[in-house]
N, C-alpha and C. Protein backbone atom coordinates (compact mmCIF):
# COMPACT_ATOMS: atom_id res chain seq x y z
N MET A 1 25.58 141.76 149.48
CA MET A 1 26.31 140.61 149.96
C MET A 1 25.77 139.33 149.33
N SER A 2 25.02 139.46 148.29
CA SER A 2 24.49 138.28 147.63
C SER A 2 25.58 137.48 146.92
N PHE A 3 26.72 138.14 146.60
CA PHE A 3 27.81 137.42 145.93
C PHE A 3 28.41 136.33 146.84
N LEU A 4 28.24 136.46 148.18
CA LEU A 4 28.76 135.45 149.10
C LEU A 4 27.97 134.15 149.01
N GLN A 5 26.73 134.25 148.56
CA GLN A 5 25.90 133.06 148.44
C GLN A 5 26.16 132.31 147.14
N ASP A 6 26.88 132.94 146.19
CA ASP A 6 27.14 132.33 144.90
C ASP A 6 28.41 131.46 145.00
N PRO A 7 28.31 130.12 144.84
CA PRO A 7 29.48 129.24 144.97
C PRO A 7 30.55 129.50 143.91
N SER A 8 30.19 130.06 142.77
CA SER A 8 31.18 130.31 141.72
C SER A 8 32.17 131.39 142.16
N PHE A 9 31.77 132.27 143.05
CA PHE A 9 32.67 133.31 143.56
C PHE A 9 33.86 132.67 144.31
N PHE A 10 33.56 131.69 145.16
CA PHE A 10 34.60 131.01 145.92
C PHE A 10 35.46 130.11 145.02
N THR A 11 34.83 129.49 144.02
CA THR A 11 35.57 128.64 143.09
C THR A 11 36.58 129.48 142.32
N MET A 12 36.16 130.64 141.84
CA MET A 12 37.07 131.52 141.11
C MET A 12 38.21 131.98 142.02
N GLY A 13 37.92 132.26 143.26
CA GLY A 13 38.95 132.68 144.22
C GLY A 13 39.96 131.58 144.47
N MET A 14 39.50 130.36 144.58
CA MET A 14 40.40 129.23 144.82
C MET A 14 41.30 129.00 143.61
N TRP A 15 40.73 129.15 142.40
CA TRP A 15 41.54 129.01 141.19
C TRP A 15 42.62 130.09 141.14
N SER A 16 42.28 131.29 141.53
CA SER A 16 43.26 132.39 141.52
C SER A 16 44.38 132.11 142.51
N ILE A 17 44.04 131.64 143.70
CA ILE A 17 45.06 131.32 144.70
C ILE A 17 45.94 130.17 144.21
N GLY A 18 45.31 129.14 143.64
CA GLY A 18 46.07 128.00 143.13
C GLY A 18 47.00 128.39 142.00
N ALA A 19 46.53 129.22 141.08
CA ALA A 19 47.36 129.67 139.96
C ALA A 19 48.50 130.52 140.47
N GLY A 20 48.24 131.36 141.45
CA GLY A 20 49.29 132.19 142.04
C GLY A 20 50.36 131.35 142.73
N ALA A 21 49.92 130.31 143.45
CA ALA A 21 50.86 129.43 144.13
C ALA A 21 51.72 128.67 143.12
N LEU A 22 51.11 128.19 142.03
CA LEU A 22 51.88 127.50 140.99
C LEU A 22 52.87 128.44 140.32
N GLY A 23 52.46 129.66 140.07
CA GLY A 23 53.36 130.66 139.47
C GLY A 23 54.54 130.95 140.39
N ALA A 24 54.27 131.11 141.68
CA ALA A 24 55.33 131.38 142.65
C ALA A 24 56.29 130.20 142.74
N ALA A 25 55.77 128.99 142.72
CA ALA A 25 56.62 127.80 142.77
C ALA A 25 57.49 127.70 141.52
N ALA A 26 56.92 127.98 140.35
CA ALA A 26 57.69 127.93 139.11
C ALA A 26 58.80 128.98 139.12
N LEU A 27 58.48 130.18 139.59
CA LEU A 27 59.49 131.24 139.67
C LEU A 27 60.60 130.86 140.66
N ALA A 28 60.22 130.28 141.79
CA ALA A 28 61.22 129.86 142.78
C ALA A 28 62.15 128.80 142.19
N LEU A 29 61.62 127.84 141.45
CA LEU A 29 62.44 126.83 140.80
C LEU A 29 63.38 127.45 139.77
N LEU A 30 62.89 128.41 139.01
CA LEU A 30 63.71 129.08 138.02
C LEU A 30 64.86 129.82 138.68
N LEU A 31 64.57 130.58 139.73
CA LEU A 31 65.60 131.36 140.41
C LEU A 31 66.62 130.48 141.13
N ALA A 32 66.16 129.38 141.69
CA ALA A 32 67.05 128.51 142.46
C ALA A 32 67.97 127.66 141.58
N ASN A 33 67.55 127.40 140.36
CA ASN A 33 68.30 126.46 139.52
C ASN A 33 68.95 127.05 138.28
N THR A 34 68.88 128.36 138.11
CA THR A 34 69.53 128.99 136.97
C THR A 34 70.26 130.24 137.42
N ASP A 35 71.10 130.76 136.55
CA ASP A 35 71.76 132.02 136.84
C ASP A 35 71.27 133.12 135.90
N VAL A 36 70.05 132.96 135.40
CA VAL A 36 69.48 133.90 134.44
C VAL A 36 69.49 135.33 134.96
N PHE A 37 69.18 135.54 136.22
CA PHE A 37 69.05 136.89 136.76
C PHE A 37 70.29 137.35 137.53
N LEU A 38 71.32 136.52 137.60
CA LEU A 38 72.55 136.91 138.29
C LEU A 38 73.43 137.74 137.37
N SER A 39 74.15 138.67 137.94
CA SER A 39 75.09 139.43 137.13
C SER A 39 76.23 138.50 136.73
N LYS A 40 76.76 138.72 135.56
CA LYS A 40 77.86 137.88 135.07
C LYS A 40 79.15 138.31 135.76
N PRO A 41 79.93 137.35 136.24
CA PRO A 41 81.18 137.71 136.91
C PRO A 41 82.19 138.26 135.91
N GLN A 42 82.96 139.23 136.35
CA GLN A 42 84.02 139.75 135.51
C GLN A 42 85.22 138.83 135.62
N LYS A 43 85.97 138.75 134.53
CA LYS A 43 87.20 137.96 134.59
C LYS A 43 88.17 138.67 135.51
N ALA A 44 88.79 137.90 136.37
CA ALA A 44 89.72 138.48 137.33
C ALA A 44 91.02 138.84 136.63
N ALA A 45 91.38 140.09 136.70
CA ALA A 45 92.64 140.54 136.12
C ALA A 45 93.74 140.33 137.15
N LEU A 46 94.93 140.00 136.66
CA LEU A 46 96.06 139.77 137.55
C LEU A 46 96.34 141.01 138.40
N GLU A 47 96.18 142.19 137.82
CA GLU A 47 96.41 143.43 138.56
C GLU A 47 95.46 143.54 139.75
N TYR A 48 94.26 143.04 139.60
CA TYR A 48 93.27 143.07 140.67
C TYR A 48 93.59 142.02 141.73
N LEU A 49 93.88 140.80 141.28
CA LEU A 49 94.14 139.70 142.21
C LEU A 49 95.41 139.90 143.03
N GLU A 50 96.44 140.51 142.42
CA GLU A 50 97.72 140.61 143.13
C GLU A 50 97.67 141.55 144.32
N ASP A 51 96.67 142.42 144.40
CA ASP A 51 96.57 143.35 145.52
C ASP A 51 95.66 142.87 146.65
N ILE A 52 95.20 141.64 146.56
CA ILE A 52 94.35 141.09 147.61
C ILE A 52 95.19 140.85 148.86
N ASP A 53 94.65 141.21 150.02
CA ASP A 53 95.34 140.97 151.29
C ASP A 53 95.06 139.55 151.76
N LEU A 54 96.13 138.80 152.00
CA LEU A 54 96.04 137.46 152.56
C LEU A 54 96.71 137.45 153.92
N LYS A 55 96.34 136.47 154.73
CA LYS A 55 96.95 136.32 156.06
C LYS A 55 97.46 134.90 156.22
N THR A 56 98.56 134.77 156.96
CA THR A 56 99.03 133.45 157.33
C THR A 56 98.13 132.95 158.47
N LEU A 57 98.17 131.66 158.72
CA LEU A 57 97.31 131.08 159.76
C LEU A 57 98.08 130.77 161.04
N GLU A 58 99.17 131.48 161.24
CA GLU A 58 99.97 131.29 162.44
C GLU A 58 99.33 131.98 163.63
N LYS A 59 99.91 131.75 164.82
CA LYS A 59 99.39 132.41 166.03
C LYS A 59 99.47 133.92 165.89
N GLU A 60 100.55 134.40 165.28
CA GLU A 60 100.73 135.82 165.00
C GLU A 60 100.63 135.99 163.49
N PRO A 61 99.41 136.16 162.94
CA PRO A 61 99.25 136.19 161.49
C PRO A 61 99.98 137.37 160.84
N ARG A 62 100.54 137.10 159.68
CA ARG A 62 101.21 138.12 158.89
C ARG A 62 100.30 138.41 157.69
N THR A 63 100.05 139.69 157.42
CA THR A 63 99.26 140.09 156.27
C THR A 63 100.21 140.47 155.14
N PHE A 64 99.89 140.00 153.95
CA PHE A 64 100.73 140.28 152.78
C PHE A 64 99.86 140.32 151.53
N LYS A 65 100.40 140.83 150.44
CA LYS A 65 99.69 140.89 149.16
C LYS A 65 99.77 139.54 148.47
N ALA A 66 98.69 139.15 147.82
CA ALA A 66 98.60 137.83 147.18
C ALA A 66 99.70 137.61 146.15
N LYS A 67 100.17 138.67 145.50
CA LYS A 67 101.19 138.48 144.45
C LYS A 67 102.45 137.82 144.99
N GLU A 68 102.69 137.91 146.30
CA GLU A 68 103.86 137.24 146.88
C GLU A 68 103.81 135.73 146.67
N LEU A 69 102.60 135.18 146.50
CA LEU A 69 102.47 133.73 146.31
C LEU A 69 103.07 133.28 144.98
N TRP A 70 102.95 134.10 143.95
CA TRP A 70 103.35 133.64 142.62
C TRP A 70 104.42 134.48 141.92
N GLU A 71 104.83 135.59 142.50
CA GLU A 71 105.69 136.49 141.75
C GLU A 71 107.09 135.95 141.44
N LYS A 72 107.61 135.02 142.23
CA LYS A 72 108.97 134.51 141.96
C LYS A 72 108.95 133.21 141.15
N ASN A 73 108.12 132.27 141.53
CA ASN A 73 108.13 130.95 140.88
C ASN A 73 106.78 130.52 140.35
N GLY A 74 105.84 131.43 140.23
CA GLY A 74 104.50 131.02 139.87
C GLY A 74 103.90 130.23 141.02
N ALA A 75 102.75 129.66 140.85
CA ALA A 75 102.14 128.86 141.91
C ALA A 75 100.89 128.17 141.38
N VAL A 76 100.54 127.08 142.04
CA VAL A 76 99.23 126.46 141.85
C VAL A 76 98.46 126.80 143.12
N ILE A 77 97.35 127.50 142.94
CA ILE A 77 96.58 127.99 144.08
C ILE A 77 95.16 127.43 144.02
N MET A 78 94.76 126.76 145.08
CA MET A 78 93.40 126.23 145.18
C MET A 78 92.58 127.20 146.02
N ALA A 79 91.49 127.71 145.45
CA ALA A 79 90.55 128.54 146.20
C ALA A 79 89.56 127.59 146.86
N VAL A 80 89.55 127.57 148.19
CA VAL A 80 88.74 126.61 148.95
C VAL A 80 87.51 127.31 149.49
N ARG A 81 86.36 126.92 149.00
CA ARG A 81 85.11 127.54 149.46
C ARG A 81 84.80 127.14 150.90
N ARG A 82 84.83 125.86 151.19
CA ARG A 82 84.56 125.37 152.56
C ARG A 82 85.52 124.25 152.88
N PRO A 83 86.49 124.46 153.76
CA PRO A 83 87.45 123.40 154.09
C PRO A 83 86.80 122.15 154.69
N GLY A 84 85.59 122.26 155.22
CA GLY A 84 84.92 121.10 155.79
C GLY A 84 84.14 120.29 154.76
N CYS A 85 84.04 120.79 153.54
CA CYS A 85 83.26 120.14 152.48
C CYS A 85 84.02 118.94 151.92
N PHE A 86 83.34 117.82 151.76
CA PHE A 86 84.03 116.63 151.27
C PHE A 86 84.50 116.80 149.83
N LEU A 87 83.80 117.62 149.02
CA LEU A 87 84.24 117.85 147.65
C LEU A 87 85.55 118.66 147.63
N CYS A 88 85.64 119.66 148.51
CA CYS A 88 86.87 120.46 148.61
C CYS A 88 88.02 119.59 149.10
N ARG A 89 87.74 118.71 150.03
CA ARG A 89 88.79 117.83 150.54
C ARG A 89 89.25 116.84 149.47
N GLU A 90 88.32 116.35 148.69
CA GLU A 90 88.68 115.43 147.60
C GLU A 90 89.54 116.16 146.57
N GLU A 91 89.15 117.37 146.22
CA GLU A 91 89.93 118.17 145.27
C GLU A 91 91.33 118.46 145.83
N ALA A 92 91.40 118.77 147.12
CA ALA A 92 92.69 119.04 147.76
C ALA A 92 93.59 117.81 147.69
N ALA A 93 93.03 116.66 147.95
CA ALA A 93 93.82 115.42 147.89
C ALA A 93 94.29 115.17 146.46
N ASP A 94 93.43 115.43 145.47
CA ASP A 94 93.83 115.26 144.07
C ASP A 94 94.99 116.20 143.71
N LEU A 95 94.86 117.47 144.07
CA LEU A 95 95.94 118.43 143.78
C LEU A 95 97.21 118.06 144.53
N SER A 96 97.06 117.60 145.75
CA SER A 96 98.22 117.22 146.56
C SER A 96 98.97 116.04 145.95
N SER A 97 98.29 115.24 145.15
CA SER A 97 98.97 114.13 144.49
C SER A 97 100.01 114.63 143.49
N LEU A 98 99.92 115.91 143.10
CA LEU A 98 100.88 116.51 142.18
C LEU A 98 102.06 117.17 142.90
N LYS A 99 102.02 117.21 144.23
CA LYS A 99 102.99 117.99 145.02
C LYS A 99 104.44 117.65 144.67
N SER A 100 104.80 116.38 144.60
CA SER A 100 106.20 116.04 144.32
C SER A 100 106.61 116.50 142.92
N MET A 101 105.71 116.41 141.95
CA MET A 101 106.03 116.87 140.60
C MET A 101 106.14 118.40 140.55
N LEU A 102 105.26 119.07 141.29
CA LEU A 102 105.33 120.54 141.35
C LEU A 102 106.63 120.97 142.04
N ASP A 103 107.03 120.26 143.08
CA ASP A 103 108.29 120.57 143.78
C ASP A 103 109.47 120.43 142.82
N GLN A 104 109.46 119.40 141.98
CA GLN A 104 110.54 119.21 141.01
C GLN A 104 110.60 120.38 140.02
N LEU A 105 109.44 120.95 139.71
CA LEU A 105 109.38 122.09 138.79
C LEU A 105 109.67 123.41 139.50
N GLY A 106 109.72 123.37 140.83
CA GLY A 106 109.95 124.59 141.60
C GLY A 106 108.70 125.45 141.74
N VAL A 107 107.52 124.85 141.55
CA VAL A 107 106.24 125.58 141.63
C VAL A 107 105.54 125.19 142.93
N PRO A 108 105.31 126.16 143.82
CA PRO A 108 104.65 125.84 145.09
C PRO A 108 103.15 125.57 144.93
N LEU A 109 102.61 124.84 145.89
CA LEU A 109 101.18 124.53 145.95
C LEU A 109 100.60 125.22 147.17
N TYR A 110 99.58 126.07 146.95
CA TYR A 110 98.94 126.82 148.02
C TYR A 110 97.44 126.63 147.98
N ALA A 111 96.80 126.87 149.13
CA ALA A 111 95.34 126.95 149.20
C ALA A 111 94.98 128.26 149.89
N VAL A 112 93.86 128.81 149.49
CA VAL A 112 93.35 130.04 150.11
C VAL A 112 91.92 129.76 150.55
N VAL A 113 91.66 129.98 151.84
CA VAL A 113 90.32 129.81 152.40
C VAL A 113 89.73 131.18 152.69
N LYS A 114 88.42 131.27 152.74
CA LYS A 114 87.80 132.58 153.00
C LYS A 114 87.38 132.76 154.45
N GLU A 115 87.44 131.69 155.23
CA GLU A 115 87.07 131.80 156.64
C GLU A 115 87.81 130.75 157.44
N HIS A 116 88.02 131.06 158.69
CA HIS A 116 88.73 130.16 159.59
C HIS A 116 87.77 129.82 160.73
N ILE A 117 86.90 128.85 160.49
CA ILE A 117 85.86 128.48 161.45
C ILE A 117 86.30 127.27 162.26
N ARG A 118 86.25 127.41 163.56
CA ARG A 118 86.60 126.34 164.49
C ARG A 118 87.80 125.53 164.00
N THR A 119 87.61 124.26 163.77
CA THR A 119 88.74 123.40 163.40
C THR A 119 88.71 123.01 161.92
N GLU A 120 87.89 123.69 161.10
CA GLU A 120 87.76 123.28 159.70
C GLU A 120 89.09 123.27 158.96
N VAL A 121 89.89 124.33 159.12
CA VAL A 121 91.17 124.39 158.40
C VAL A 121 92.12 123.32 158.93
N LYS A 122 92.17 123.15 160.24
CA LYS A 122 93.03 122.12 160.83
C LYS A 122 92.61 120.73 160.34
N ASP A 123 91.31 120.50 160.24
CA ASP A 123 90.81 119.21 159.76
C ASP A 123 91.03 119.03 158.25
N PHE A 124 91.19 120.15 157.54
CA PHE A 124 91.42 120.13 156.09
C PHE A 124 92.89 119.81 155.76
N GLN A 125 93.79 120.19 156.64
CA GLN A 125 95.23 120.08 156.38
C GLN A 125 95.71 118.68 156.01
N PRO A 126 95.17 117.59 156.56
CA PRO A 126 95.63 116.27 156.13
C PRO A 126 95.35 115.98 154.64
N TYR A 127 94.40 116.68 154.05
CA TYR A 127 94.05 116.46 152.65
C TYR A 127 94.88 117.31 151.70
N PHE A 128 95.52 118.37 152.23
CA PHE A 128 96.23 119.32 151.39
C PHE A 128 97.68 119.42 151.83
N LYS A 129 98.61 119.21 150.91
CA LYS A 129 100.03 119.15 151.25
C LYS A 129 100.77 120.48 151.09
N GLY A 130 100.07 121.56 150.78
CA GLY A 130 100.73 122.85 150.63
C GLY A 130 100.37 123.79 151.77
N GLU A 131 100.88 125.02 151.69
CA GLU A 131 100.56 126.03 152.70
C GLU A 131 99.14 126.55 152.46
N ILE A 132 98.48 126.96 153.56
CA ILE A 132 97.11 127.46 153.48
C ILE A 132 97.09 128.88 154.03
N PHE A 133 96.40 129.77 153.31
CA PHE A 133 96.30 131.18 153.69
C PHE A 133 94.84 131.59 153.78
N LEU A 134 94.61 132.74 154.42
CA LEU A 134 93.25 133.24 154.64
C LEU A 134 93.00 134.50 153.82
N ASP A 135 91.90 134.51 153.07
CA ASP A 135 91.42 135.68 152.33
C ASP A 135 90.09 136.06 152.96
N GLU A 136 90.13 136.93 153.95
CA GLU A 136 88.92 137.24 154.73
C GLU A 136 87.81 137.85 153.90
N LYS A 137 88.14 138.52 152.82
CA LYS A 137 87.11 139.14 151.98
C LYS A 137 86.55 138.19 150.94
N GLY A 138 87.19 137.05 150.77
CA GLY A 138 86.70 136.06 149.81
C GLY A 138 86.84 136.47 148.37
N ILE A 139 87.77 137.37 148.06
CA ILE A 139 87.91 137.89 146.70
C ILE A 139 88.35 136.80 145.73
N LEU A 140 89.25 135.92 146.16
CA LEU A 140 89.69 134.86 145.27
C LEU A 140 88.58 133.87 144.95
N LEU A 141 87.51 133.90 145.72
CA LEU A 141 86.40 132.97 145.49
C LEU A 141 85.29 133.59 144.64
N GLU A 142 85.53 134.75 144.08
CA GLU A 142 84.50 135.41 143.28
C GLU A 142 84.40 134.81 141.89
N HIS A 143 84.50 133.52 141.79
CA HIS A 143 84.31 132.84 140.52
C HIS A 143 83.10 131.93 140.67
N ARG A 144 82.58 131.52 139.56
CA ARG A 144 81.46 130.58 139.60
C ARG A 144 81.85 129.34 138.82
N GLU A 145 81.62 128.20 139.42
CA GLU A 145 81.91 126.96 138.72
C GLU A 145 80.90 126.80 137.60
N LYS A 146 81.31 126.14 136.53
CA LYS A 146 80.37 125.87 135.44
C LYS A 146 79.28 124.91 135.92
N GLU A 147 79.69 123.96 136.71
CA GLU A 147 78.76 123.01 137.31
C GLU A 147 79.19 122.81 138.75
N PHE A 148 78.25 122.61 139.64
CA PHE A 148 78.60 122.35 141.03
C PHE A 148 79.45 121.09 141.07
N GLY A 149 80.57 121.20 141.75
CA GLY A 149 81.43 120.04 141.88
C GLY A 149 82.39 119.84 140.73
N ASP A 150 82.52 120.86 139.83
CA ASP A 150 83.53 120.75 138.76
C ASP A 150 84.86 120.34 139.37
N LYS A 151 85.53 119.42 138.73
CA LYS A 151 86.82 118.97 139.23
C LYS A 151 87.91 119.48 138.31
N VAL A 152 89.04 119.76 138.91
CA VAL A 152 90.19 120.23 138.15
C VAL A 152 90.76 119.08 137.33
N ASN A 153 91.26 119.41 136.16
CA ASN A 153 91.93 118.43 135.33
C ASN A 153 93.40 118.44 135.73
N LEU A 154 93.86 117.39 136.39
CA LEU A 154 95.22 117.35 136.94
C LEU A 154 96.29 117.45 135.86
N LEU A 155 96.04 116.87 134.70
CA LEU A 155 97.01 116.97 133.61
C LEU A 155 97.14 118.42 133.14
N SER A 156 96.03 119.14 133.10
CA SER A 156 96.07 120.55 132.70
C SER A 156 96.85 121.38 133.71
N VAL A 157 96.68 121.08 135.00
CA VAL A 157 97.42 121.80 136.04
C VAL A 157 98.91 121.54 135.87
N LEU A 158 99.28 120.30 135.65
CA LEU A 158 100.69 119.95 135.49
C LEU A 158 101.28 120.59 134.24
N GLU A 159 100.55 120.58 133.14
CA GLU A 159 101.02 121.21 131.90
C GLU A 159 101.20 122.71 132.11
N ALA A 160 100.26 123.35 132.80
CA ALA A 160 100.37 124.79 133.07
C ALA A 160 101.58 125.07 133.96
N ALA A 161 101.81 124.22 134.95
CA ALA A 161 102.95 124.41 135.85
C ALA A 161 104.27 124.27 135.09
N LYS A 162 104.31 123.40 134.10
CA LYS A 162 105.53 123.22 133.31
C LYS A 162 105.85 124.46 132.47
N MET A 163 104.84 125.25 132.17
CA MET A 163 105.05 126.46 131.36
C MET A 163 105.50 127.66 132.19
N ILE A 164 105.48 127.54 133.51
CA ILE A 164 105.88 128.66 134.37
C ILE A 164 107.39 128.84 134.29
N LYS A 165 107.80 130.07 134.05
CA LYS A 165 109.22 130.40 134.00
C LYS A 165 109.58 131.13 135.29
N PRO A 166 110.38 130.50 136.17
CA PRO A 166 110.77 131.16 137.42
C PRO A 166 111.55 132.44 137.14
N GLN A 167 111.42 133.41 138.04
CA GLN A 167 112.16 134.67 137.94
C GLN A 167 113.64 134.38 138.11
N THR A 168 114.45 134.99 137.28
CA THR A 168 115.90 134.86 137.44
C THR A 168 116.40 136.07 138.22
N LEU A 169 117.59 135.97 138.74
CA LEU A 169 118.16 137.09 139.49
C LEU A 169 118.26 138.33 138.62
N ALA A 170 118.56 138.18 137.34
CA ALA A 170 118.68 139.33 136.46
C ALA A 170 117.35 140.06 136.30
N SER A 171 116.26 139.30 136.16
CA SER A 171 114.95 139.93 135.97
C SER A 171 114.44 140.54 137.28
N GLU A 172 114.91 140.01 138.43
CA GLU A 172 114.49 140.58 139.72
C GLU A 172 115.12 141.94 139.96
N LYS A 173 116.31 142.17 139.37
CA LYS A 173 117.01 143.43 139.59
C LYS A 173 116.41 144.56 138.79
N LYS A 174 115.65 144.25 137.74
CA LYS A 174 115.07 145.29 136.87
C LYS A 174 114.01 146.08 137.55
């Protein structure tokens, strides 16, 4: 037990603990601020997305396949991570500013939320001028933003909506 009387033993131990703590802190910063160790998301195929079950937010909810949202006239669909989030509300208000132009093109504006918590959706509705649906599994939200708070380019949305060709009666009969 003579090593306990040697002060260098305790000094070396303190250095080891300090180095370990610094290493753990550096690793925590790396994991929290990068996606280096996350699996890369797969691109969502239309065939996959169209089979997602959505629900209406009425008293008697109706369940339907997501493809009903866009199969006749296309659609602009906002995936809402948190309806109570001020960034989501700001984005909803921006998209809603296009509502009259989308209506003229015959393209509906929809939002899909992944949860219906207390009054969040009701409080979100003044910011969003389209219909809102529920995706309980959150499948439509399986995307990752390039940067937190990425904002949609409204001109790009409008240009994309102009390219949508509504289904004609002849093509519906096929």
